[in-house]
Amino acid sequence: MKKMTLAAARINKGLTQKEAAKHLKISNKTLSSWENGNTYPKSKYVDPICALYDCSYEDIIFFKNNPLIADS
């Protein structure tokens, strides 16, 4: 699977920010901040994010300066 941003993973599942935030039990503002790279999810949210978007941690680019981006 090709690496994708957090927003792309959500869009690929056909979810709005509001829907995804509700599933993750966070605010829309928090999800937006994660997707824009202003803040990052705490580790306790990584597994729920991956489960919601049906992908692995390695498939999602969580950080702007993620060294995995260079491999894309």
C-alpha atoms as a PDB file:
ATOM      1  CA  MET A   1       0.000   0.000   0.000  1.00  0.00           C
ATOM      2  CA  LYS A   2       1.246   3.502  -0.792  1.00  0.00           C
ATOM      3  CA  LYS A   3       1.856   5.872   2.113  1.00  0.00           C
ATOM      4  CA  MET A   4      -0.814   8.533   2.624  1.00  0.00           C
ATOM      5  CA  THR A   5      -1.540  11.469   4.836  1.00  0.00           C
ATOM      6  CA  LEU A   6      -3.966  11.241   7.708  1.00  0.00           C
ATOM      7  CA  ALA A   7      -6.501  13.293   5.717  1.00  0.00           C
ATOM      8  CA  ALA A   8      -6.136  11.056   2.660  1.00  0.00           C
ATOM      9  CA  ALA A   9      -6.709   7.953   4.791  1.00  0.00           C
ATOM     10  CA  ARG A  10      -9.939   9.482   6.119  1.00  0.00           C
ATOM     11  CA  ILE A  11     -11.118  10.546   2.668  1.00  0.00           C
ATOM     12  CA  ASN A  12     -10.335   7.090   1.248  1.00  0.00           C
ATOM     13  CA  LYS A  13     -12.745   5.619   3.806  1.00  0.00           C
ATOM     14  CA  GLY A  14     -15.432   8.118   2.740  1.00  0.00           C
ATOM     15  CA  LEU A  15     -15.599   9.828   6.119  1.00  0.00           C
ATOM     16  CA  THR A  16     -16.007  13.503   6.906  1.00  0.00           C
ATOM     17  CA  GLN A  17     -13.866  15.015   9.639  1.00  0.00           C
ATOM     18  CA  LYS A  18     -16.961  15.161  11.823  1.00  0.00           C
ATOM     19  CA  GLU A  19     -17.713  11.451  11.317  1.00  0.00           C
ATOM     20  CA  ALA A  20     -14.122  10.372  11.903  1.00  0.00           C
ATOM     21  CA  ALA A  21     -13.799  12.561  14.992  1.00  0.00           C
ATOM     22  CA  LYS A  22     -16.980  11.051  16.417  1.00  0.00           C
ATOM     23  CA  HIS A  23     -15.632   7.509  15.880  1.00  0.00           C
ATOM     24  CA  LEU A  24     -12.358   8.464  17.559  1.00  0.00           C
ATOM     25  CA  LYS A  25     -14.153  10.302  20.390  1.00  0.00           C
ATOM     26  CA  ILE A  26     -12.280  13.544  19.746  1.00  0.00           C
ATOM     27  CA  SER A  27     -13.340  16.977  18.531  1.00  0.00           C
ATOM     28  CA  ASN A  28     -13.386  18.019  14.884  1.00  0.00           C
ATOM     29  CA  LYS A  29     -10.863  20.700  15.823  1.00  0.00           C
ATOM     30  CA  THR A  30      -8.457  18.081  17.200  1.00  0.00           C
ATOM     31  CA  LEU A  31      -8.704  15.941  14.069  1.00  0.00           C
ATOM     32  CA  SER A  32      -8.226  18.990  11.862  1.00  0.00           C
ATOM     33  CA  SER A  33      -5.131  19.939  13.831  1.00  0.00           C
ATOM     34  CA  TRP A  34      -3.694  16.431  13.376  1.00  0.00           C
ATOM     35  CA  GLU A  35      -4.448  16.437   9.655  1.00  0.00           C
ATOM     36  CA  ASN A  36      -2.796  19.832   9.207  1.00  0.00           C
ATOM     37  CA  GLY A  37       0.295  18.777  11.161  1.00  0.00           C
ATOM     38  CA  ASN A  38      -0.213  21.436  13.814  1.00  0.00           C
ATOM     39  CA  THR A  39      -0.429  18.789  16.540  1.00  0.00           C
ATOM     40  CA  TYR A  40      -0.033  15.039  16.513  1.00  0.00           C
ATOM     41  CA  PRO A  41      -2.127  12.208  17.936  1.00  0.00           C
ATOM     42  CA  LYS A  42      -1.052  10.682  21.220  1.00  0.00           C
ATOM     43  CA  SER A  43       0.073   7.085  20.938  1.00  0.00           C
ATOM     44  CA  LYS A  44      -3.223   5.832  22.414  1.00  0.00           C
ATOM     45  CA  TYR A  45      -4.982   7.070  19.248  1.00  0.00           C
ATOM     46  CA  VAL A  46      -2.724   5.374  16.707  1.00  0.00           C
ATOM     47  CA  ASP A  47      -4.381   1.932  16.863  1.00  0.00           C
ATOM     48  CA  PRO A  48      -7.938   3.349  16.753  1.00  0.00           C
ATOM     49  CA  ILE A  49      -6.979   5.548  13.779  1.00  0.00           C
ATOM     50  CA  CYS A  50      -5.505   2.579  11.929  1.00  0.00           C
ATOM     51  CA  ALA A  51      -8.551   0.437  12.729  1.00  0.00           C
ATOM     52  CA  LEU A  52     -10.963   3.155  11.590  1.00  0.00           C
ATOM     53  CA  TYR A  53      -9.104   3.749   8.332  1.00  0.00           C
ATOM     54  CA  ASP A  54      -8.346   0.036   7.826  1.00  0.00           C
ATOM     55  CA  CYS A  55      -4.615   0.516   7.369  1.00  0.00           C
ATOM     56  CA  SER A  56      -1.378  -0.007   9.250  1.00  0.00           C
ATOM     57  CA  TYR A  57       0.750   2.552  11.053  1.00  0.00           C
ATOM     58  CA  GLU A  58       3.333   2.265   8.283  1.00  0.00           C
ATOM     59  CA  ASP A  59       0.740   3.340   5.698  1.00  0.00           C
ATOM     60  CA  ILE A  60      -0.010   6.720   7.300  1.00  0.00           C
ATOM     61  CA  ILE A  61       2.200   9.787   7.277  1.00  0.00           C
ATOM     62  CA  PHE A  62       1.562  11.265  10.720  1.00  0.00           C
ATOM     63  CA  PHE A  63       4.359  13.828  10.776  1.00  0.00           C
ATOM     64  CA  LYS A  64       5.357  16.540   8.305  1.00  0.00           C
ATOM     65  CA  ASN A  65       9.030  15.577   8.545  1.00  0.00           C
ATOM     66  CA  ASN A  66       8.408  11.841   8.539  1.00  0.00           C
ATOM     67  CA  PRO A  67      11.519  10.135   7.115  1.00  0.00           C
ATOM     68  CA  LEU A  68       9.225   7.628   5.445  1.00  0.00           C
ATOM     69  CA  ILE A  69       8.107  10.316   3.002  1.00  0.00           C
ATOM     70  CA  ALA A  70      11.479  10.076   1.285  1.00  0.00           C
ATOM     71  CA  ASP A  71      10.701   6.412   0.518  1.00  0.00           C
ATOM     72  CA  SER A  72       7.488   7.289  -1.318  1.00  0.00           C
END
